[in-house]
Amino acid sequence: MFFYEIHDPYYALIKANDDEEAVKKYIEVVAGEESEFESLAEECEPVSKAYAYERFISAPCEDGKQLIENLKYFNSDEVEILLIDGSLL
């Protein structure tokens, strides 16, 4: 799995097999339409696993879950939105 960030229109940290899959997940969960795929793909930037991990563990938990419980999402083999812009919550 690889890690990607999209900053605009809303921030998301995404774990996916490739950037195309990351953008599709962003559209499905965060924001956007299929017609915006190309512009969102331009916003999709790969980041290192170490960087993604630091961002992930330093983010506050939405519902007070323990960090250990949330790490299962970071370590899973599933495509995941790991972080999302707080204004969307």
PDB file of N, CA and C in Angstrom:
ATOM      1  N   MET A   1       0.836  -1.180   0.000  1.00  0.00           N
ATOM      2  CA  MET A   1       0.000   0.000   0.000  1.00  0.00           C
ATOM      3  C   MET A   1       0.881   1.243   0.000  1.00  0.00           C
ATOM      4  N   PHE A   2       0.337   2.292  -0.583  1.00  0.00           N
ATOM      5  CA  PHE A   2       1.017   3.577  -0.641  1.00  0.00           C
ATOM      6  C   PHE A   2       0.129   4.620   0.025  1.00  0.00           C
ATOM      7  N   PHE A   3       0.696   5.770   0.298  1.00  0.00           N
ATOM      8  CA  PHE A   3      -0.019   6.824   1.004  1.00  0.00           C
ATOM      9  C   PHE A   3      -0.022   8.088   0.151  1.00  0.00           C
ATOM     10  N   TYR A   4      -1.156   8.779   0.192  1.00  0.00           N
ATOM     11  CA  TYR A   4      -1.360   9.970  -0.636  1.00  0.00           C
ATOM     12  C   TYR A   4      -2.071  11.046   0.173  1.00  0.00           C
ATOM     13  N   GLU A   5      -1.800  12.292  -0.184  1.00  0.00           N
ATOM     14  CA  GLU A   5      -2.531  13.422   0.386  1.00  0.00           C
ATOM     15  C   GLU A   5      -3.191  14.200  -0.730  1.00  0.00           C
ATOM     16  N   ILE A   6      -4.376  14.662  -0.440  1.00  0.00           N
ATOM     17  CA  ILE A   6      -5.068  15.630  -1.285  1.00  0.00           C
ATOM     18  C   ILE A   6      -5.397  16.788  -0.365  1.00  0.00           C
ATOM     19  N   HIS A   7      -5.054  18.002  -0.786  1.00  0.00           N
ATOM     20  CA  HIS A   7      -5.249  19.179   0.058  1.00  0.00           C
ATOM     21  C   HIS A   7      -6.440  20.039  -0.356  1.00  0.00           C
ATOM     22  N   ASP A   8      -6.876  19.918  -1.601  1.00  0.00           N
ATOM     23  CA  ASP A   8      -7.906  20.816  -2.096  1.00  0.00           C
ATOM     24  C   ASP A   8      -8.924  20.030  -2.911  1.00  0.00           C
ATOM     25  N   PRO A   9     -10.204  20.141  -2.688  1.00  0.00           N
ATOM     26  CA  PRO A   9     -10.868  21.165  -1.891  1.00  0.00           C
ATOM     27  C   PRO A   9     -10.866  20.878  -0.387  1.00  0.00           C
ATOM     28  N   TYR A  10     -10.684  19.626   0.025  1.00  0.00           N
ATOM     29  CA  TYR A  10     -10.610  19.276   1.443  1.00  0.00           C
ATOM     30  C   TYR A  10      -9.426  18.335   1.651  1.00  0.00           C
ATOM     31  N   TYR A  11      -8.803  18.440   2.809  1.00  0.00           N
ATOM     32  CA  TYR A  11      -7.654  17.598   3.109  1.00  0.00           C
ATOM     33  C   TYR A  11      -8.080  16.153   3.359  1.00  0.00           C
ATOM     34  N   ALA A  12      -7.271  15.219   2.865  1.00  0.00           N
ATOM     35  CA  ALA A  12      -7.438  13.807   3.194  1.00  0.00           C
ATOM     36  C   ALA A  12      -6.089  13.112   3.068  1.00  0.00           C
ATOM     37  N   LEU A  13      -5.843  12.187   3.969  1.00  0.00           N
ATOM     38  CA  LEU A  13      -4.714  11.266   3.895  1.00  0.00           C
ATOM     39  C   LEU A  13      -5.308   9.917   3.545  1.00  0.00           C
ATOM     40  N   ILE A  14      -4.830   9.327   2.450  1.00  0.00           N
ATOM     41  CA  ILE A  14      -5.459   8.134   1.892  1.00  0.00           C
ATOM     42  C   ILE A  14      -4.417   7.032   1.735  1.00  0.00           C
ATOM     43  N   LYS A  15      -4.811   5.816   2.041  1.00  0.00           N
ATOM     44  CA  LYS A  15      -3.971   4.636   1.814  1.00  0.00           C
ATOM     45  C   LYS A  15      -4.599   3.868   0.661  1.00  0.00           C
ATOM     46  N   ALA A  16      -3.801   3.611  -0.387  1.00  0.00           N
ATOM     47  CA  ALA A  16      -4.327   2.940  -1.572  1.00  0.00           C
ATOM     48  C   ALA A  16      -3.194   2.230  -2.314  1.00  0.00           C
ATOM     49  N   ASN A  17      -3.562   1.417  -3.281  1.00  0.00           N
ATOM     50  CA  ASN A  17      -2.577   0.714  -4.096  1.00  0.00           C
ATOM     51  C   ASN A  17      -1.913   1.611  -5.130  1.00  0.00           C
ATOM     52  N   ASP A  18      -2.619   2.651  -5.574  1.00  0.00           N
ATOM     53  CA  ASP A  18      -2.060   3.605  -6.525  1.00  0.00           C
ATOM     54  C   ASP A  18      -2.844   4.912  -6.442  1.00  0.00           C
ATOM     55  N   ASP A  19      -2.357   5.930  -7.148  1.00  0.00           N
ATOM     56  CA  ASP A  19      -2.987   7.247  -7.053  1.00  0.00           C
ATOM     57  C   ASP A  19      -4.392   7.263  -7.634  1.00  0.00           C
ATOM     58  N   GLU A  20      -4.650   6.462  -8.655  1.00  0.00           N
ATOM     59  CA  GLU A  20      -5.992   6.400  -9.236  1.00  0.00           C
ATOM     60  C   GLU A  20      -7.000   5.878  -8.210  1.00  0.00           C
ATOM     61  N   GLU A  21      -6.623   4.827  -7.513  1.00  0.00           N
ATOM     62  CA  GLU A  21      -7.479   4.263  -6.475  1.00  0.00           C
ATOM     63  C   GLU A  21      -7.685   5.267  -5.342  1.00  0.00           C
ATOM     64  N   ALA A  22      -6.641   6.026  -5.012  1.00  0.00           N
ATOM     65  CA  ALA A  22      -6.741   7.040  -3.963  1.00  0.00           C
ATOM     66  C   ALA A  22      -7.749   8.126  -4.345  1.00  0.00           C
ATOM     67  N   VAL A  23      -7.693   8.578  -5.583  1.00  0.00           N
ATOM     68  CA  VAL A  23      -8.624   9.621  -6.037  1.00  0.00           C
ATOM     69  C   VAL A  23     -10.055   9.089  -6.059  1.00  0.00           C
ATOM     70  N   LYS A  24     -10.241   7.870  -6.498  1.00  0.00           N
ATOM     71  CA  LYS A  24     -11.586   7.279  -6.505  1.00  0.00           C
ATOM     72  C   LYS A  24     -12.150   7.206  -5.089  1.00  0.00           C
ATOM     73  N   LYS A  25     -11.324   6.806  -4.133  1.00  0.00           N
ATOM     74  CA  LYS A  25     -11.777   6.728  -2.741  1.00  0.00           C
ATOM     75  C   LYS A  25     -12.096   8.123  -2.210  1.00  0.00           C
ATOM     76  N   TYR A  26     -11.284   9.109  -2.580  1.00  0.00           N
ATOM     77  CA  TYR A  26     -11.527  10.491  -2.171  1.00  0.00           C
ATOM     78  C   TYR A  26     -12.891  10.953  -2.681  1.00  0.00           C
ATOM     79  N   ILE A  27     -13.176  10.711  -3.945  1.00  0.00           N
ATOM     80  CA  ILE A  27     -14.462  11.108  -4.522  1.00  0.00           C
ATOM     81  C   ILE A  27     -15.609  10.393  -3.809  1.00  0.00           C
ATOM     82  N   GLU A  28     -15.431   9.131  -3.526  1.00  0.00           N
ATOM     83  CA  GLU A  28     -16.475   8.324  -2.877  1.00  0.00           C
ATOM     84  C   GLU A  28     -16.775   8.792  -1.452  1.00  0.00           C
ATOM     85  N   VAL A  29     -15.736   9.149  -0.696  1.00  0.00           N
ATOM     86  CA  VAL A  29     -15.910   9.400   0.731  1.00  0.00           C
ATOM     87  C   VAL A  29     -15.847  10.878   1.105  1.00  0.00           C
ATOM     88  N   VAL A  30     -14.956  11.637   0.475  1.00  0.00           N
ATOM     89  CA  VAL A  30     -14.691  13.006   0.932  1.00  0.00           C
ATOM     90  C   VAL A  30     -15.474  14.029   0.123  1.00  0.00           C
ATOM     91  N   ALA A  31     -15.148  14.182  -1.135  1.00  0.00           N
ATOM     92  CA  ALA A  31     -15.794  15.212  -1.957  1.00  0.00           C
ATOM     93  C   ALA A  31     -15.441  15.005  -3.421  1.00  0.00           C
ATOM     94  N   GLY A  32     -16.255  15.582  -4.269  1.00  0.00           N
ATOM     95  CA  GLY A  32     -15.954  15.568  -5.687  1.00  0.00           C
ATOM     96  C   GLY A  32     -16.895  14.688  -6.481  1.00  0.00           C
ATOM     97  N   GLU A  33     -16.780  14.845  -7.775  1.00  0.00           N
ATOM     98  CA  GLU A  33     -17.578  14.080  -8.737  1.00  0.00           C
ATOM     99  C   GLU A  33     -16.618  13.392  -9.701  1.00  0.00           C
ATOM    100  N   GLU A  34     -17.100  12.354 -10.356  1.00  0.00           N
ATOM    101  CA  GLU A  34     -16.267  11.660 -11.344  1.00  0.00           C
ATOM    102  C   GLU A  34     -15.728  12.620 -12.398  1.00  0.00           C
ATOM    103  N   SER A  35     -16.506  13.630 -12.745  1.00  0.00           N
ATOM    104  CA  SER A  35     -16.067  14.601 -13.752  1.00  0.00           C
ATOM    105  C   SER A  35     -14.869  15.426 -13.275  1.00  0.00           C
ATOM    106  N   GLU A  36     -14.580  15.412 -11.985  1.00  0.00           N
ATOM    107  CA  GLU A  36     -13.454  16.156 -11.423  1.00  0.00           C
ATOM    108  C   GLU A  36     -12.221  15.275 -11.213  1.00  0.00           C
ATOM    109  N   PHE A  37     -12.267  14.059 -11.718  1.00  0.00           N
ATOM    110  CA  PHE A  37     -11.198  13.099 -11.472  1.00  0.00           C
ATOM    111  C   PHE A  37      -9.826  13.660 -11.858  1.00  0.00           C
ATOM    112  N   GLU A  38      -9.708  14.225 -13.041  1.00  0.00           N
ATOM    113  CA  GLU A  38      -8.404  14.727 -13.512  1.00  0.00           C
ATOM    114  C   GLU A  38      -7.858  15.840 -12.630  1.00  0.00           C
ATOM    115  N   SER A  39      -8.698  16.783 -12.242  1.00  0.00           N
ATOM    116  CA  SER A  39      -8.211  17.882 -11.395  1.00  0.00           C
ATOM    117  C   SER A  39      -7.841  17.373 -10.004  1.00  0.00           C
ATOM    118  N   LEU A  40      -8.594  16.409  -9.480  1.00  0.00           N
ATOM    119  CA  LEU A  40      -8.250  15.825  -8.178  1.00  0.00           C
ATOM    120  C   LEU A  40      -6.971  14.989  -8.280  1.00  0.00           C
ATOM    121  N   ALA A  41      -6.778  14.320  -9.400  1.00  0.00           N
ATOM    122  CA  ALA A  41      -5.562  13.535  -9.598  1.00  0.00           C
ATOM    123  C   ALA A  41      -4.324  14.432  -9.570  1.00  0.00           C
ATOM    124  N   GLU A  42      -4.463  15.659 -10.060  1.00  0.00           N
ATOM    125  CA  GLU A  42      -3.348  16.607 -10.016  1.00  0.00           C
ATOM    126  C   GLU A  42      -3.033  17.026  -8.583  1.00  0.00           C
ATOM    127  N   GLU A  43      -4.037  17.024  -7.717  1.00  0.00           N
ATOM    128  CA  GLU A  43      -3.864  17.376  -6.305  1.00  0.00           C
ATOM    129  C   GLU A  43      -3.317  16.221  -5.469  1.00  0.00           C
ATOM    130  N   CYS A  44      -3.403  15.016  -5.978  1.00  0.00           N
ATOM    131  CA  CYS A  44      -3.034  13.806  -5.240  1.00  0.00           C
ATOM    132  C   CYS A  44      -1.508  13.661  -5.231  1.00  0.00           C
ATOM    133  N   GLU A  45      -0.924  13.755  -4.033  1.00  0.00           N
ATOM    134  CA  GLU A  45       0.527  13.697  -3.895  1.00  0.00           C
ATOM    135  C   GLU A  45       0.932  12.479  -3.063  1.00  0.00           C
ATOM    136  N   PRO A  46       1.893  11.691  -3.548  1.00  0.00           N
ATOM    137  CA  PRO A  46       2.374  10.576  -2.740  1.00  0.00           C
ATOM    138  C   PRO A  46       3.183  11.090  -1.549  1.00  0.00           C
ATOM    139  N   VAL A  47       3.071  10.407  -0.425  1.00  0.00           N
ATOM    140  CA  VAL A  47       3.854  10.732   0.766  1.00  0.00           C
ATOM    141  C   VAL A  47       4.431   9.424   1.310  1.00  0.00           C
ATOM    142  N   SER A  48       5.484   9.549   2.083  1.00  0.00           N
ATOM    143  CA  SER A  48       6.118   8.348   2.632  1.00  0.00           C
ATOM    144  C   SER A  48       5.265   7.731   3.731  1.00  0.00           C
ATOM    145  N   LYS A  49       5.503   6.463   3.989  1.00  0.00           N
ATOM    146  CA  LYS A  49       4.792   5.778   5.062  1.00  0.00           C
ATOM    147  C   LYS A  49       5.118   6.419   6.406  1.00  0.00           C
ATOM    148  N   ALA A  50       6.383   6.811   6.599  1.00  0.00           N
ATOM    149  CA  ALA A  50       6.788   7.450   7.857  1.00  0.00           C
ATOM    150  C   ALA A  50       6.051   8.773   8.062  1.00  0.00           C
ATOM    151  N   TYR A  51       5.943   9.570   7.005  1.00  0.00           N
ATOM    152  CA  TYR A  51       5.214  10.842   7.077  1.00  0.00           C
ATOM    153  C   TYR A  51       3.735  10.582   7.389  1.00  0.00           C
ATOM    154  N   ALA A  52       3.134   9.626   6.674  1.00  0.00           N
ATOM    155  CA  ALA A  52       1.718   9.303   6.885  1.00  0.00           C
ATOM    156  C   ALA A  52       1.486   8.831   8.313  1.00  0.00           C
ATOM    157  N   TYR A  53       2.390   8.019   8.826  1.00  0.00           N
ATOM    158  CA  TYR A  53       2.264   7.504  10.189  1.00  0.00           C
ATOM    159  C   TYR A  53       2.310   8.637  11.208  1.00  0.00           C
ATOM    160  N   GLU A  54       3.251   9.561  11.037  1.00  0.00           N
ATOM    161  CA  GLU A  54       3.363  10.703  11.951  1.00  0.00           C
ATOM    162  C   GLU A  54       2.098  11.552  11.928  1.00  0.00           C
ATOM    163  N   ARG A  55       1.580  11.809  10.738  1.00  0.00           N
ATOM    164  CA  ARG A  55       0.330  12.580  10.629  1.00  0.00           C
ATOM    165  C   ARG A  55      -0.822  11.837  11.304  1.00  0.00           C
ATOM    166  N   PHE A  56      -0.884  10.543  11.054  1.00  0.00           N
ATOM    167  CA  PHE A  56      -1.979   9.722  11.559  1.00  0.00           C
ATOM    168  C   PHE A  56      -1.988   9.654  13.086  1.00  0.00           C
ATOM    169  N   ILE A  57      -0.838   9.386  13.693  1.00  0.00           N
ATOM    170  CA  ILE A  57      -0.814   9.227  15.151  1.00  0.00           C
ATOM    171  C   ILE A  57      -0.924  10.551  15.886  1.00  0.00           C
ATOM    172  N   SER A  58      -0.632  11.667  15.208  1.00  0.00           N
ATOM    173  CA  SER A  58      -0.722  12.957  15.888  1.00  0.00           C
ATOM    174  C   SER A  58      -2.105  13.604  15.757  1.00  0.00           C
ATOM    175  N   ALA A  59      -2.973  13.028  14.943  1.00  0.00           N
ATOM    176  CA  ALA A  59      -4.318  13.583  14.753  1.00  0.00           C
ATOM    177  C   ALA A  59      -5.228  13.194  15.908  1.00  0.00           C
ATOM    178  N   PRO A  60      -6.092  14.115  16.337  1.00  0.00           N
ATOM    179  CA  PRO A  60      -7.050  13.761  17.392  1.00  0.00           C
ATOM    180  C   PRO A  60      -8.067  12.757  16.863  1.00  0.00           C
ATOM    181  N   CYS A  61      -8.509  11.877  17.725  1.00  0.00           N
ATOM    182  CA  CYS A  61      -9.521  10.883  17.354  1.00  0.00           C
ATOM    183  C   CYS A  61     -10.903  11.517  17.408  1.00  0.00           C
ATOM    184  N   GLU A  62     -11.715  11.237  16.411  1.00  0.00           N
ATOM    185  CA  GLU A  62     -13.052  11.828  16.297  1.00  0.00           C
ATOM    186  C   GLU A  62     -13.944  11.449  17.469  1.00  0.00           C
ATOM    187  N   ASP A  63     -13.926  10.190  17.834  1.00  0.00           N
ATOM    188  CA  ASP A  63     -14.886   9.729  18.829  1.00  0.00           C
ATOM    189  C   ASP A  63     -14.215   9.194  20.092  1.00  0.00           C
ATOM    190  N   GLY A  64     -12.976   9.613  20.333  1.00  0.00           N
ATOM    191  CA  GLY A  64     -12.293   9.218  21.548  1.00  0.00           C
ATOM    192  C   GLY A  64     -11.736   7.806  21.540  1.00  0.00           C
ATOM    193  N   LYS A  65     -11.710   7.154  20.387  1.00  0.00           N
ATOM    194  CA  LYS A  65     -11.151   5.807  20.309  1.00  0.00           C
ATOM    195  C   LYS A  65      -9.676   5.843  20.675  1.00  0.00           C
ATOM    196  N   GLN A  66      -9.206   4.760  21.183  1.00  0.00           N
ATOM    197  CA  GLN A  66      -7.801   4.624  21.510  1.00  0.00           C
ATOM    198  C   GLN A  66      -6.975   4.551  20.226  1.00  0.00           C
ATOM    199  N   LEU A  67      -5.766   5.107  20.285  1.00  0.00           N
ATOM    200  CA  LEU A  67      -4.871   5.070  19.136  1.00  0.00           C
ATOM    201  C   LEU A  67      -4.616   3.639  18.678  1.00  0.00           C
ATOM    202  N   ILE A  68      -4.427   2.729  19.598  1.00  0.00           N
ATOM    203  CA  ILE A  68      -4.147   1.329  19.253  1.00  0.00           C
ATOM    204  C   ILE A  68      -5.280   0.755  18.405  1.00  0.00           C
ATOM    205  N   GLU A  69      -6.505   1.070  18.769  1.00  0.00           N
ATOM    206  CA  GLU A  69      -7.656   0.583  18.002  1.00  0.00           C
ATOM    207  C   GLU A  69      -7.653   1.172  16.596  1.00  0.00           C
ATOM    208  N   ASN A  70      -7.303   2.443  16.474  1.00  0.00           N
ATOM    209  CA  ASN A  70      -7.303   3.092  15.164  1.00  0.00           C
ATOM    210  C   ASN A  70      -6.146   2.643  14.278  1.00  0.00           C
ATOM    211  N   LEU A  71      -5.067   2.144  14.872  1.00  0.00           N
ATOM    212  CA  LEU A  71      -3.928   1.692  14.076  1.00  0.00           C
ATOM    213  C   LEU A  71      -4.282   0.526  13.156  1.00  0.00           C
ATOM    214  N   LYS A  72      -5.339  -0.196  13.467  1.00  0.00           N
ATOM    215  CA  LYS A  72      -5.740  -1.295  12.583  1.00  0.00           C
ATOM    216  C   LYS A  72      -6.077  -0.768  11.186  1.00  0.00           C
ATOM    217  N   TYR A  73      -6.597   0.445  11.095  1.00  0.00           N
ATOM    218  CA  TYR A  73      -6.897   1.034   9.791  1.00  0.00           C
ATOM    219  C   TYR A  73      -5.620   1.379   9.043  1.00  0.00           C
ATOM    220  N   PHE A  74      -4.633   1.887   9.765  1.00  0.00           N
ATOM    221  CA  PHE A  74      -3.357   2.247   9.144  1.00  0.00           C
ATOM    222  C   PHE A  74      -2.651   1.004   8.611  1.00  0.00           C
ATOM    223  N   ASN A  75      -2.727  -0.086   9.346  1.00  0.00           N
ATOM    224  CA  ASN A  75      -1.987  -1.302   9.007  1.00  0.00           C
ATOM    225  C   ASN A  75      -2.757  -2.294   8.148  1.00  0.00           C
ATOM    226  N   SER A  76      -4.021  -2.054   7.893  1.00  0.00           N
ATOM    227  CA  SER A  76      -4.814  -3.005   7.111  1.00  0.00           C
ATOM    228  C   SER A  76      -4.406  -2.995   5.634  1.00  0.00           C
ATOM    229  N   ASP A  77      -4.865  -3.989   4.905  1.00  0.00           N
ATOM    230  CA  ASP A  77      -4.605  -4.078   3.470  1.00  0.00           C
ATOM    231  C   ASP A  77      -5.739  -3.474   2.647  1.00  0.00           C
ATOM    232  N   GLU A  78      -6.633  -2.782   3.298  1.00  0.00           N
ATOM    233  CA  GLU A  78      -7.781  -2.166   2.630  1.00  0.00           C
ATOM    234  C   GLU A  78      -7.472  -0.721   2.235  1.00  0.00           C
ATOM    235  N   VAL A  79      -8.114  -0.258   1.175  1.00  0.00           N
ATOM    236  CA  VAL A  79      -8.040   1.150   0.806  1.00  0.00           C
ATOM    237  C   VAL A  79      -8.789   1.920   1.884  1.00  0.00           C
ATOM    238  N   GLU A  80      -8.151   2.925   2.452  1.00  0.00           N
ATOM    239  CA  GLU A  80      -8.742   3.649   3.580  1.00  0.00           C
ATOM    240  C   GLU A  80      -8.511   5.149   3.460  1.00  0.00           C
ATOM    241  N   ILE A  81      -9.489   5.910   3.903  1.00  0.00           N
ATOM    242  CA  ILE A  81      -9.284   7.327   4.188  1.00  0.00           C
ATOM    243  C   ILE A  81      -8.814   7.358   5.636  1.00  0.00           C
ATOM    244  N   LEU A  82      -7.575   7.743   5.863  1.00  0.00           N
ATOM    245  CA  LEU A  82      -7.009   7.720   7.204  1.00  0.00           C
ATOM    246  C   LEU A  82      -7.287   9.001   7.977  1.00  0.00           C
ATOM    247  N   LEU A  83      -7.221  10.123   7.285  1.00  0.00           N
ATOM    248  CA  LEU A  83      -7.529  11.419   7.900  1.00  0.00           C
ATOM    249  C   LEU A  83      -8.394  12.214   6.950  1.00  0.00           C
ATOM    250  N   ILE A  84      -9.226  13.069   7.527  1.00  0.00           N
ATOM    251  CA  ILE A  84     -10.117  13.887   6.715  1.00  0.00           C
ATOM    252  C   ILE A  84     -10.173  15.287   7.320  1.00  0.00           C
ATOM    253  N   ASP A  85     -10.416  16.253   6.503  1.00  0.00           N
ATOM    254  CA  ASP A  85     -10.537  17.639   6.933  1.00  0.00           C
ATOM    255  C   ASP A  85     -11.574  17.747   8.041  1.00  0.00           C
ATOM    256  N   GLY A  86     -11.201  18.352   9.155  1.00  0.00           N
ATOM    257  CA  GLY A  86     -12.084  18.468  10.316  1.00  0.00           C
ATOM    258  C   GLY A  86     -13.364  19.237  10.019  1.00  0.00           C
ATOM    259  N   SER A  87     -13.346  20.110   9.025  1.00  0.00           N
ATOM    260  CA  SER A  87     -14.553  20.876   8.713  1.00  0.00           C
ATOM    261  C   SER A  87     -15.654  20.000   8.113  1.00  0.00           C
ATOM    262  N   LEU A  88     -15.312  18.785   7.710  1.00  0.00           N
ATOM    263  CA  LEU A  88     -16.301  17.876   7.135  1.00  0.00           C
ATOM    264  C   LEU A  88     -16.985  17.004   8.168  1.00  0.00           C
ATOM    265  N   LEU A  89     -16.496  17.044   9.394  1.00  0.00           N
ATOM    266  CA  LEU A  89     -17.055  16.192  10.442  1.00  0.00           C
ATOM    267  C   LEU A  89     -18.258  16.821  11.102  1.00  0.00           C
TER     268      LEU A  89
END
